[in-house]
Amino acid sequence: MRYHINNYNFIKRSKITPLKYLKLVKRPSGGFRKHPSNFFKRNCLDKFESKGTQDLADKTNIEIETLKQFMVANLAVNSVLADKLEKATKISAATWLELQRQYDEYIK
């Protein structure tokens, strides 16, 4: 038995608006795209049993000053840092670079 999409009365059909009439609305400031360090803190930090910044720097193989700047969102993720983050977190360098790109685009 085949069902046609129009047979479902619970699906609400919206008016189709041509793309030329749509306008880009930037979300208000307040967290649409946060710095990649926020992603690191939320998703990766708990995987390291660190006893402080120096210990975390040693475990991630990232220089301590670089790590400090990254953690306070004062450092952009470049390819070198992305590679180190990939090795430490098993999250691809491309993901880290994409998070940075999205953040950069948002703060423009």
PDB file of N, CA and C in Angstrom:
ATOM      1  N   MET A   1       0.835  -1.174   0.000  1.00  0.00           N
ATOM      2  CA  MET A   1       0.000   0.000   0.000  1.00  0.00           C
ATOM      3  C   MET A   1       0.889   1.249   0.000  1.00  0.00           C
ATOM      4  N   ARG A   2       0.650   2.120  -0.896  1.00  0.00           N
ATOM      5  CA  ARG A   2       1.417   3.352  -1.004  1.00  0.00           C
ATOM      6  C   ARG A   2       0.629   4.501  -0.398  1.00  0.00           C
ATOM      7  N   TYR A   3       1.378   5.356   0.286  1.00  0.00           N
ATOM      8  CA  TYR A   3       0.756   6.532   0.879  1.00  0.00           C
ATOM      9  C   TYR A   3       1.248   7.768   0.154  1.00  0.00           C
ATOM     10  N   HIS A   4       0.371   8.646  -0.087  1.00  0.00           N
ATOM     11  CA  HIS A   4       0.750   9.902  -0.702  1.00  0.00           C
ATOM     12  C   HIS A   4       0.876  10.948   0.390  1.00  0.00           C
ATOM     13  N   ILE A   5       1.842  11.811   0.279  1.00  0.00           N
ATOM     14  CA  ILE A   5       2.121  12.811   1.311  1.00  0.00           C
ATOM     15  C   ILE A   5       0.900  13.685   1.606  1.00  0.00           C
ATOM     16  N   ASN A   6       0.075  13.939   0.637  1.00  0.00           N
ATOM     17  CA  ASN A   6      -1.107  14.783   0.848  1.00  0.00           C
ATOM     18  C   ASN A   6      -2.186  14.093   1.666  1.00  0.00           C
ATOM     19  N   ASN A   7      -2.066  12.786   1.865  1.00  0.00           N
ATOM     20  CA  ASN A   7      -3.058  12.059   2.649  1.00  0.00           C
ATOM     21  C   ASN A   7      -2.879  12.243   4.149  1.00  0.00           C
ATOM     22  N   TYR A   8      -1.801  12.841   4.569  1.00  0.00           N
ATOM     23  CA  TYR A   8      -1.554  13.046   5.988  1.00  0.00           C
ATOM     24  C   TYR A   8      -2.104  14.400   6.404  1.00  0.00           C
ATOM     25  N   ASN A   9      -3.125  14.389   7.213  1.00  0.00           N
ATOM     26  CA  ASN A   9      -3.759  15.646   7.595  1.00  0.00           C
ATOM     27  C   ASN A   9      -3.006  16.358   8.711  1.00  0.00           C
ATOM     28  N   PHE A  10      -2.026  15.711   9.345  1.00  0.00           N
ATOM     29  CA  PHE A  10      -1.286  16.354  10.415  1.00  0.00           C
ATOM     30  C   PHE A  10      -0.123  17.191   9.896  1.00  0.00           C
ATOM     31  N   ILE A  11       0.191  17.076   8.629  1.00  0.00           N
ATOM     32  CA  ILE A  11       1.276  17.851   8.049  1.00  0.00           C
ATOM     33  C   ILE A  11       0.727  19.203   7.629  1.00  0.00           C
ATOM     34  N   LYS A  12       1.327  20.220   8.164  1.00  0.00           N
ATOM     35  CA  LYS A  12       0.919  21.578   7.843  1.00  0.00           C
ATOM     36  C   LYS A  12       1.706  22.049   6.628  1.00  0.00           C
ATOM     37  N   ARG A  13       1.035  22.518   5.656  1.00  0.00           N
ATOM     38  CA  ARG A  13       1.706  23.015   4.464  1.00  0.00           C
ATOM     39  C   ARG A  13       1.907  24.514   4.612  1.00  0.00           C
ATOM     40  N   SER A  14       3.125  24.938   4.407  1.00  0.00           N
ATOM     41  CA  SER A  14       3.403  26.364   4.515  1.00  0.00           C
ATOM     42  C   SER A  14       3.414  26.992   3.133  1.00  0.00           C
ATOM     43  N   LYS A  15       3.190  28.279   3.146  1.00  0.00           N
ATOM     44  CA  LYS A  15       3.209  29.030   1.903  1.00  0.00           C
ATOM     45  C   LYS A  15       4.639  29.036   1.354  1.00  0.00           C
ATOM     46  N   ILE A  16       4.770  28.803   0.088  1.00  0.00           N
ATOM     47  CA  ILE A  16       6.084  28.802  -0.544  1.00  0.00           C
ATOM     48  C   ILE A  16       6.447  30.232  -0.908  1.00  0.00           C
ATOM     49  N   THR A  17       7.591  30.680  -0.397  1.00  0.00           N
ATOM     50  CA  THR A  17       8.076  32.031  -0.657  1.00  0.00           C
ATOM     51  C   THR A  17       9.287  31.946  -1.579  1.00  0.00           C
ATOM     52  N   PRO A  18       9.260  32.668  -2.682  1.00  0.00           N
ATOM     53  CA  PRO A  18      10.435  32.654  -3.575  1.00  0.00           C
ATOM     54  C   PRO A  18      11.670  33.191  -2.857  1.00  0.00           C
ATOM     55  N   LEU A  19      12.812  32.652  -3.189  1.00  0.00           N
ATOM     56  CA  LEU A  19      14.058  33.036  -2.533  1.00  0.00           C
ATOM     57  C   LEU A  19      14.341  34.527  -2.633  1.00  0.00           C
ATOM     58  N   LYS A  20      13.964  35.150  -3.737  1.00  0.00           N
ATOM     59  CA  LYS A  20      14.277  36.566  -3.898  1.00  0.00           C
ATOM     60  C   LYS A  20      13.553  37.443  -2.875  1.00  0.00           C
ATOM     61  N   TYR A  21      12.502  36.921  -2.234  1.00  0.00           N
ATOM     62  CA  TYR A  21      11.773  37.695  -1.230  1.00  0.00           C
ATOM     63  C   TYR A  21      12.224  37.390   0.197  1.00  0.00           C
ATOM     64  N   LEU A  22      13.076  36.413   0.340  1.00  0.00           N
ATOM     65  CA  LEU A  22      13.584  36.093   1.669  1.00  0.00           C
ATOM     66  C   LEU A  22      14.740  37.013   1.992  1.00  0.00           C
ATOM     67  N   LYS A  23      14.850  37.399   3.230  1.00  0.00           N
ATOM     68  CA  LYS A  23      15.984  38.239   3.616  1.00  0.00           C
ATOM     69  C   LYS A  23      16.756  37.549   4.732  1.00  0.00           C
ATOM     70  N   LEU A  24      18.050  37.763   4.699  1.00  0.00           N
ATOM     71  CA  LEU A  24      18.937  37.183   5.687  1.00  0.00           C
ATOM     72  C   LEU A  24      18.826  37.983   6.978  1.00  0.00           C
ATOM     73  N   VAL A  25      18.496  37.292   8.045  1.00  0.00           N
ATOM     74  CA  VAL A  25      18.396  37.937   9.349  1.00  0.00           C
ATOM     75  C   VAL A  25      19.429  37.299  10.256  1.00  0.00           C
ATOM     76  N   LYS A  26      20.368  38.113  10.703  1.00  0.00           N
ATOM     77  CA  LYS A  26      21.403  37.615  11.597  1.00  0.00           C
ATOM     78  C   LYS A  26      20.832  37.505  13.002  1.00  0.00           C
ATOM     79  N   ARG A  27      21.099  36.395  13.643  1.00  0.00           N
ATOM     80  CA  ARG A  27      20.618  36.235  15.000  1.00  0.00           C
ATOM     81  C   ARG A  27      21.278  37.252  15.911  1.00  0.00           C
ATOM     82  N   PRO A  28      20.575  37.671  16.944  1.00  0.00           N
ATOM     83  CA  PRO A  28      21.175  38.656  17.844  1.00  0.00           C
ATOM     84  C   PRO A  28      22.379  38.073  18.571  1.00  0.00           C
ATOM     85  N   SER A  29      23.250  38.953  19.000  1.00  0.00           N
ATOM     86  CA  SER A  29      24.413  38.496  19.752  1.00  0.00           C
ATOM     87  C   SER A  29      23.942  37.738  20.979  1.00  0.00           C
ATOM     88  N   GLY A  30      24.743  36.817  21.402  1.00  0.00           N
ATOM     89  CA  GLY A  30      24.361  36.065  22.577  1.00  0.00           C
ATOM     90  C   GLY A  30      24.546  34.580  22.412  1.00  0.00           C
ATOM     91  N   GLY A  31      25.359  34.174  21.457  1.00  0.00           N
ATOM     92  CA  GLY A  31      25.713  32.775  21.456  1.00  0.00           C
ATOM     93  C   GLY A  31      25.368  31.945  20.259  1.00  0.00           C
ATOM     94  N   PHE A  32      25.041  32.541  19.129  1.00  0.00           N
ATOM     95  CA  PHE A  32      24.745  31.708  17.976  1.00  0.00           C
ATOM     96  C   PHE A  32      25.946  30.870  17.586  1.00  0.00           C
ATOM     97  N   ARG A  33      27.076  31.488  17.444  1.00  0.00           N
ATOM     98  CA  ARG A  33      28.318  30.766  17.156  1.00  0.00           C
ATOM     99  C   ARG A  33      29.365  31.213  18.150  1.00  0.00           C
ATOM    100  N   LYS A  34      29.747  30.305  18.988  1.00  0.00           N
ATOM    101  CA  LYS A  34      30.771  30.617  19.978  1.00  0.00           C
ATOM    102  C   LYS A  34      32.130  30.169  19.464  1.00  0.00           C
ATOM    103  N   HIS A  35      33.151  30.634  20.131  1.00  0.00           N
ATOM    104  CA  HIS A  35      34.529  30.290  19.780  1.00  0.00           C
ATOM    105  C   HIS A  35      34.719  28.774  19.905  1.00  0.00           C
ATOM    106  N   PRO A  36      35.585  28.182  19.080  1.00  0.00           N
ATOM    107  CA  PRO A  36      35.836  26.742  19.162  1.00  0.00           C
ATOM    108  C   PRO A  36      36.272  26.264  20.551  1.00  0.00           C
ATOM    109  N   SER A  37      36.835  27.138  21.366  1.00  0.00           N
ATOM    110  CA  SER A  37      37.224  26.735  22.717  1.00  0.00           C
ATOM    111  C   SER A  37      35.995  26.347  23.543  1.00  0.00           C
ATOM    112  N   ASN A  38      34.862  26.949  23.227  1.00  0.00           N
ATOM    113  CA  ASN A  38      33.630  26.584  23.925  1.00  0.00           C
ATOM    114  C   ASN A  38      33.263  25.138  23.611  1.00  0.00           C
ATOM    115  N   PHE A  39      33.406  24.740  22.346  1.00  0.00           N
ATOM    116  CA  PHE A  39      33.159  23.355  21.938  1.00  0.00           C
ATOM    117  C   PHE A  39      34.116  22.413  22.667  1.00  0.00           C
ATOM    118  N   PHE A  40      35.385  22.826  22.758  1.00  0.00           N
ATOM    119  CA  PHE A  40      36.387  22.025  23.453  1.00  0.00           C
ATOM    120  C   PHE A  40      36.007  21.837  24.921  1.00  0.00           C
ATOM    121  N   LYS A  41      35.609  22.912  25.562  1.00  0.00           N
ATOM    122  CA  LYS A  41      35.242  22.839  26.983  1.00  0.00           C
ATOM    123  C   LYS A  41      34.021  21.952  27.201  1.00  0.00           C
ATOM    124  N   ARG A  42      33.024  22.068  26.320  1.00  0.00           N
ATOM    125  CA  ARG A  42      31.789  21.298  26.490  1.00  0.00           C
ATOM    126  C   ARG A  42      31.941  19.828  26.122  1.00  0.00           C
ATOM    127  N   ASN A  43      32.745  19.523  25.111  1.00  0.00           N
ATOM    128  CA  ASN A  43      32.766  18.166  24.571  1.00  0.00           C
ATOM    129  C   ASN A  43      34.044  17.375  24.799  1.00  0.00           C
ATOM    130  N   CYS A  44      35.124  18.038  25.144  1.00  0.00           N
ATOM    131  CA  CYS A  44      36.408  17.343  25.199  1.00  0.00           C
ATOM    132  C   CYS A  44      37.106  17.419  26.548  1.00  0.00           C
ATOM    133  N   LEU A  45      36.915  18.490  27.255  1.00  0.00           N
ATOM    134  CA  LEU A  45      37.688  18.742  28.466  1.00  0.00           C
ATOM    135  C   LEU A  45      37.519  17.648  29.512  1.00  0.00           C
ATOM    136  N   ASP A  46      36.327  17.117  29.645  1.00  0.00           N
ATOM    137  CA  ASP A  46      36.085  16.092  30.670  1.00  0.00           C
ATOM    138  C   ASP A  46      36.772  14.762  30.353  1.00  0.00           C
ATOM    139  N   LYS A  47      37.251  14.591  29.140  1.00  0.00           N
ATOM    140  CA  LYS A  47      37.954  13.352  28.768  1.00  0.00           C
ATOM    141  C   LYS A  47      39.403  13.338  29.251  1.00  0.00           C
ATOM    142  N   PHE A  48      39.882  14.510  29.659  1.00  0.00           N
ATOM    143  CA  PHE A  48      41.245  14.624  30.170  1.00  0.00           C
ATOM    144  C   PHE A  48      41.198  14.705  31.690  1.00  0.00           C
ATOM    145  N   GLU A  49      41.896  13.829  32.332  1.00  0.00           N
ATOM    146  CA  GLU A  49      41.976  13.885  33.784  1.00  0.00           C
ATOM    147  C   GLU A  49      43.134  14.799  34.154  1.00  0.00           C
ATOM    148  N   SER A  50      42.926  16.084  33.913  1.00  0.00           N
ATOM    149  CA  SER A  50      44.027  17.014  34.131  1.00  0.00           C
ATOM    150  C   SER A  50      43.970  17.617  35.528  1.00  0.00           C
ATOM    151  N   LYS A  51      45.131  18.003  35.980  1.00  0.00           N
ATOM    152  CA  LYS A  51      45.261  18.614  37.294  1.00  0.00           C
ATOM    153  C   LYS A  51      45.576  20.099  37.164  1.00  0.00           C
ATOM    154  N   GLY A  52      45.354  20.648  35.993  1.00  0.00           N
ATOM    155  CA  GLY A  52      45.636  22.054  35.769  1.00  0.00           C
ATOM    156  C   GLY A  52      46.001  22.306  34.326  1.00  0.00           C
ATOM    157  N   THR A  53      46.279  23.555  34.046  1.00  0.00           N
ATOM    158  CA  THR A  53      46.575  23.968  32.686  1.00  0.00           C
ATOM    159  C   THR A  53      47.855  23.331  32.152  1.00  0.00           C
ATOM    160  N   GLN A  54      48.880  23.261  32.984  1.00  0.00           N
ATOM    161  CA  GLN A  54      50.146  22.672  32.535  1.00  0.00           C
ATOM    162  C   GLN A  54      49.963  21.194  32.201  1.00  0.00           C
ATOM    163  N   ASP A  55      49.228  20.489  33.034  1.00  0.00           N
ATOM    164  CA  ASP A  55      48.971  19.071  32.799  1.00  0.00           C
ATOM    165  C   ASP A  55      48.176  18.883  31.502  1.00  0.00           C
ATOM    166  N   LEU A  56      47.172  19.737  31.293  1.00  0.00           N
ATOM    167  CA  LEU A  56      46.380  19.662  30.069  1.00  0.00           C
ATOM    168  C   LEU A  56      47.241  19.974  28.848  1.00  0.00           C
ATOM    169  N   ALA A  57      48.105  20.951  28.965  1.00  0.00           N
ATOM    170  CA  ALA A  57      49.014  21.301  27.864  1.00  0.00           C
ATOM    171  C   ALA A  57      49.925  20.120  27.523  1.00  0.00           C
ATOM    172  N   ASP A  58      50.423  19.439  28.545  1.00  0.00           N
ATOM    173  CA  ASP A  58      51.279  18.276  28.314  1.00  0.00           C
ATOM    174  C   ASP A  58      50.515  17.148  27.624  1.00  0.00           C
ATOM    175  N   LYS A  59      49.296  16.900  28.082  1.00  0.00           N
ATOM    176  CA  LYS A  59      48.505  15.798  27.518  1.00  0.00           C
ATOM    177  C   LYS A  59      48.042  16.073  26.092  1.00  0.00           C
ATOM    178  N   THR A  60      47.829  17.330  25.765  1.00  0.00           N
ATOM    179  CA  THR A  60      47.378  17.675  24.415  1.00  0.00           C
ATOM    180  C   THR A  60      48.523  18.021  23.473  1.00  0.00           C
ATOM    181  N   ASN A  61      49.740  18.151  24.030  1.00  0.00           N
ATOM    182  CA  ASN A  61      50.925  18.518  23.254  1.00  0.00           C
ATOM    183  C   ASN A  61      50.780  19.912  22.624  1.00  0.00           C
ATOM    184  N   ILE A  62      50.118  20.787  23.367  1.00  0.00           N
ATOM    185  CA  ILE A  62      49.948  22.177  22.940  1.00  0.00           C
ATOM    186  C   ILE A  62      50.705  23.044  23.933  1.00  0.00           C
ATOM    187  N   GLU A  63      51.457  24.008  23.430  1.00  0.00           N
ATOM    188  CA  GLU A  63      52.222  24.894  24.298  1.00  0.00           C
ATOM    189  C   GLU A  63      51.275  25.575  25.282  1.00  0.00           C
ATOM    190  N   ILE A  64      51.733  25.763  26.515  1.00  0.00           N
ATOM    191  CA  ILE A  64      50.859  26.273  27.564  1.00  0.00           C
ATOM    192  C   ILE A  64      50.293  27.654  27.242  1.00  0.00           C
ATOM    193  N   GLU A  65      51.105  28.548  26.697  1.00  0.00           N
ATOM    194  CA  GLU A  65      50.600  29.889  26.360  1.00  0.00           C
ATOM    195  C   GLU A  65      49.564  29.826  25.246  1.00  0.00           C
ATOM    196  N   THR A  66      49.801  28.953  24.287  1.00  0.00           N
ATOM    197  CA  THR A  66      48.842  28.759  23.202  1.00  0.00           C
ATOM    198  C   THR A  66      47.531  28.224  23.760  1.00  0.00           C
ATOM    199  N   LEU A  67      47.629  27.246  24.648  1.00  0.00           N
ATOM    200  CA  LEU A  67      46.434  26.659  25.251  1.00  0.00           C
ATOM    201  C   LEU A  67      45.662  27.684  26.078  1.00  0.00           C
ATOM    202  N   LYS A  68      46.379  28.497  26.842  1.00  0.00           N
ATOM    203  CA  LYS A  68      45.715  29.530  27.652  1.00  0.00           C
ATOM    204  C   LYS A  68      44.965  30.512  26.758  1.00  0.00           C
ATOM    205  N   GLN A  69      45.612  30.963  25.698  1.00  0.00           N
ATOM    206  CA  GLN A  69      44.970  31.907  24.785  1.00  0.00           C
ATOM    207  C   GLN A  69      43.759  31.285  24.090  1.00  0.00           C
ATOM    208  N   PHE A  70      43.882  30.014  23.715  1.00  0.00           N
ATOM    209  CA  PHE A  70      42.771  29.308  23.078  1.00  0.00           C
ATOM    210  C   PHE A  70      41.591  29.180  24.037  1.00  0.00           C
ATOM    211  N   MET A  71      41.872  28.828  25.278  1.00  0.00           N
ATOM    212  CA  MET A  71      40.803  28.585  26.254  1.00  0.00           C
ATOM    213  C   MET A  71      40.023  29.853  26.605  1.00  0.00           C
ATOM    214  N   VAL A  72      40.644  31.012  26.498  1.00  0.00           N
ATOM    215  CA  VAL A  72      39.928  32.262  26.780  1.00  0.00           C
ATOM    216  C   VAL A  72      39.455  32.940  25.484  1.00  0.00           C
ATOM    217  N   ALA A  73      39.472  32.200  24.403  1.00  0.00           N
ATOM    218  CA  ALA A  73      38.948  32.649  23.102  1.00  0.00           C
ATOM    219  C   ALA A  73      39.712  33.836  22.525  1.00  0.00           C
ATOM    220  N   ASN A  74      41.010  33.897  22.793  1.00  0.00           N
ATOM    221  CA  ASN A  74      41.842  34.960  22.232  1.00  0.00           C
ATOM    222  C   ASN A  74      42.735  34.455  21.104  1.00  0.00           C
ATOM    223  N   LEU A  75      42.532  33.227  20.681  1.00  0.00           N
ATOM    224  CA  LEU A  75      43.383  32.633  19.660  1.00  0.00           C
ATOM    225  C   LEU A  75      42.517  31.894  18.652  1.00  0.00           C
ATOM    226  N   ALA A  76      42.700  32.200  17.398  1.00  0.00           N
ATOM    227  CA  ALA A  76      41.972  31.517  16.335  1.00  0.00           C
ATOM    228  C   ALA A  76      42.617  30.159  16.059  1.00  0.00           C
ATOM    229  N   VAL A  77      41.805  29.210  15.698  1.00  0.00           N
ATOM    230  CA  VAL A  77      42.305  27.879  15.350  1.00  0.00           C
ATOM    231  C   VAL A  77      42.883  27.949  13.941  1.00  0.00           C
ATOM    232  N   ASN A  78      44.162  27.626  13.821  1.00  0.00           N
ATOM    233  CA  ASN A  78      44.796  27.534  12.510  1.00  0.00           C
ATOM    234  C   ASN A  78      45.075  26.059  12.238  1.00  0.00           C
ATOM    235  N   SER A  79      45.694  25.756  11.126  1.00  0.00           N
ATOM    236  CA  SER A  79      45.896  24.352  10.750  1.00  0.00           C
ATOM    237  C   SER A  79      46.813  23.612  11.731  1.00  0.00           C
ATOM    238  N   VAL A  80      47.807  24.304  12.283  1.00  0.00           N
ATOM    239  CA  VAL A  80      48.724  23.663  13.236  1.00  0.00           C
ATOM    240  C   VAL A  80      47.973  23.299  14.523  1.00  0.00           C
ATOM    241  N   LEU A  81      47.229  24.255  15.062  1.00  0.00           N
ATOM    242  CA  LEU A  81      46.462  23.990  16.277  1.00  0.00           C
ATOM    243  C   LEU A  81      45.379  22.948  16.016  1.00  0.00           C
ATOM    244  N   ALA A  82      44.749  23.020  14.845  1.00  0.00           N
ATOM    245  CA  ALA A  82      43.715  22.038  14.495  1.00  0.00           C
ATOM    246  C   ALA A  82      44.285  20.619  14.470  1.00  0.00           C
ATOM    247  N   ASP A  83      45.497  20.460  13.944  1.00  0.00           N
ATOM    248  CA  ASP A  83      46.136  19.140  13.928  1.00  0.00           C
ATOM    249  C   ASP A  83      46.410  18.638  15.340  1.00  0.00           C
ATOM    250  N   LYS A  84      46.867  19.521  16.209  1.00  0.00           N
ATOM    251  CA  LYS A  84      47.140  19.125  17.592  1.00  0.00           C
ATOM    252  C   LYS A  84      45.847  18.779  18.324  1.00  0.00           C
ATOM    253  N   LEU A  85      44.799  19.550  18.075  1.00  0.00           N
ATOM    254  CA  LEU A  85      43.505  19.257  18.696  1.00  0.00           C
ATOM    255  C   LEU A  85      42.947  17.924  18.190  1.00  0.00           C
ATOM    256  N   GLU A  86      43.163  17.653  16.901  1.00  0.00           N
ATOM    257  CA  GLU A  86      42.709  16.380  16.340  1.00  0.00           C
ATOM    258  C   GLU A  86      43.394  15.203  17.035  1.00  0.00           C
ATOM    259  N   LYS A  87      44.697  15.282  17.217  1.00  0.00           N
ATOM    260  CA  LYS A  87      45.433  14.203  17.871  1.00  0.00           C
ATOM    261  C   LYS A  87      44.990  14.025  19.319  1.00  0.00           C
ATOM    262  N   ALA A  88      44.695  15.124  19.984  1.00  0.00           N
ATOM    263  CA  ALA A  88      44.336  15.058  21.400  1.00  0.00           C
ATOM    264  C   ALA A  88      42.887  14.633  21.629  1.00  0.00           C
ATOM    265  N   THR A  89      41.994  15.014  20.715  1.00  0.00           N
ATOM    266  CA  THR A  89      40.563  14.788  20.961  1.00  0.00           C
ATOM    267  C   THR A  89      39.929  13.752  20.051  1.00  0.00           C
ATOM    268  N   LYS A  90      40.622  13.357  18.995  1.00  0.00           N
ATOM    269  CA  LYS A  90      40.091  12.436  17.977  1.00  0.00           C
ATOM    270  C   LYS A  90      38.944  13.062  17.184  1.00  0.00           C
ATOM    271  N   ILE A  91      38.858  14.395  17.222  1.00  0.00           N
ATOM    272  CA  ILE A  91      37.902  15.135  16.399  1.00  0.00           C
ATOM    273  C   ILE A  91      38.710  15.761  15.274  1.00  0.00           C
ATOM    274  N   SER A  92      38.281  15.561  14.054  1.00  0.00           N
ATOM    275  CA  SER A  92      39.103  15.923  12.890  1.00  0.00           C
ATOM    276  C   SER A  92      39.498  17.395  12.870  1.00  0.00           C
ATOM    277  N   ALA A  93      40.660  17.624  12.289  1.00  0.00           N
ATOM    278  CA  ALA A  93      41.167  18.989  12.128  1.00  0.00           C
ATOM    279  C   ALA A  93      40.194  19.811  11.292  1.00  0.00           C
ATOM    280  N   ALA A  94      39.557  19.173  10.331  1.00  0.00           N
ATOM    281  CA  ALA A  94      38.584  19.875   9.489  1.00  0.00           C
ATOM    282  C   ALA A  94      37.422  20.405  10.328  1.00  0.00           C
ATOM    283  N   THR A  95      37.018  19.658  11.335  1.00  0.00           N
ATOM    284  CA  THR A  95      35.938  20.104  12.215  1.00  0.00           C
ATOM    285  C   THR A  95      36.366  21.336  12.989  1.00  0.00           C
ATOM    286  N   TRP A  96      37.577  21.320  13.525  1.00  0.00           N
ATOM    287  CA  TRP A  96      38.070  22.472  14.281  1.00  0.00           C
ATOM    288  C   TRP A  96      38.171  23.707  13.396  1.00  0.00           C
ATOM    289  N   LEU A  97      38.643  23.521  12.174  1.00  0.00           N
ATOM    290  CA  LEU A  97      38.753  24.644  11.250  1.00  0.00           C
ATOM    291  C   LEU A  97      37.372  25.160  10.836  1.00  0.00           C
ATOM    292  N   GLU A  98      36.416  24.259  10.685  1.00  0.00           N
ATOM    293  CA  GLU A  98      35.057  24.666  10.343  1.00  0.00           C
ATOM    294  C   GLU A  98      34.403  25.428  11.484  1.00  0.00           C
ATOM    295  N   LEU A  99      34.636  24.990  12.719  1.00  0.00           N
ATOM    296  CA  LEU A  99      34.121  25.728  13.874  1.00  0.00           C
ATOM    297  C   LEU A  99      34.691  27.139  13.907  1.00  0.00           C
ATOM    298  N   GLN A 100      35.963  27.266  13.600  1.00  0.00           N
ATOM    299  CA  GLN A 100      36.593  28.592  13.564  1.00  0.00           C
ATOM    300  C   GLN A 100      36.018  29.431  12.432  1.00  0.00           C
ATOM    301  N   ARG A 101      35.820  28.821  11.267  1.00  0.00           N
ATOM    302  CA  ARG A 101      35.252  29.551  10.132  1.00  0.00           C
ATOM    303  C   ARG A 101      33.862  30.080  10.468  1.00  0.00           C
ATOM    304  N   GLN A 102      33.043  29.229  11.091  1.00  0.00           N
ATOM    305  CA  GLN A 102      31.690  29.648  11.461  1.00  0.00           C
ATOM    306  C   GLN A 102      31.727  30.774  12.485  1.00  0.00           C
ATOM    307  N   TYR A 103      32.624  30.680  13.432  1.00  0.00           N
ATOM    308  CA  TYR A 103      32.770  31.732  14.445  1.00  0.00           C
ATOM    309  C   TYR A 103      33.207  33.043  13.794  1.00  0.00           C
ATOM    310  N   ASP A 104      34.189  32.965  12.916  1.00  0.00           N
ATOM    311  CA  ASP A 104      34.677  34.158  12.225  1.00  0.00           C
ATOM    312  C   ASP A 104      33.562  34.807  11.400  1.00  0.00           C
ATOM    313  N   GLU A 105      32.784  33.977  10.744  1.00  0.00           N
ATOM    314  CA  GLU A 105      31.679  34.479   9.932  1.00  0.00           C
ATOM    315  C   GLU A 105      30.631  35.163  10.801  1.00  0.00           C
ATOM    316  N   TYR A 106      30.391  34.615  11.953  1.00  0.00           N
ATOM    317  CA  TYR A 106      29.371  35.171  12.849  1.00  0.00           C
ATOM    318  C   TYR A 106      29.790  36.514  13.435  1.00  0.00           C
ATOM    319  N   ILE A 107      31.071  36.673  13.771  1.00  0.00           N
ATOM    320  CA  ILE A 107      31.484  37.907  14.426  1.00  0.00           C
ATOM    321  C   ILE A 107      31.746  39.050  13.445  1.00  0.00           C
ATOM    322  N   LYS A 108      31.647  38.781  12.161  1.00  0.00           N
ATOM    323  CA  LYS A 108      31.854  39.845  11.156  1.00  0.00           C
ATOM    324  C   LYS A 108      30.833  40.939  11.320  1.00  0.00           C
TER     325      LYS A 108
END
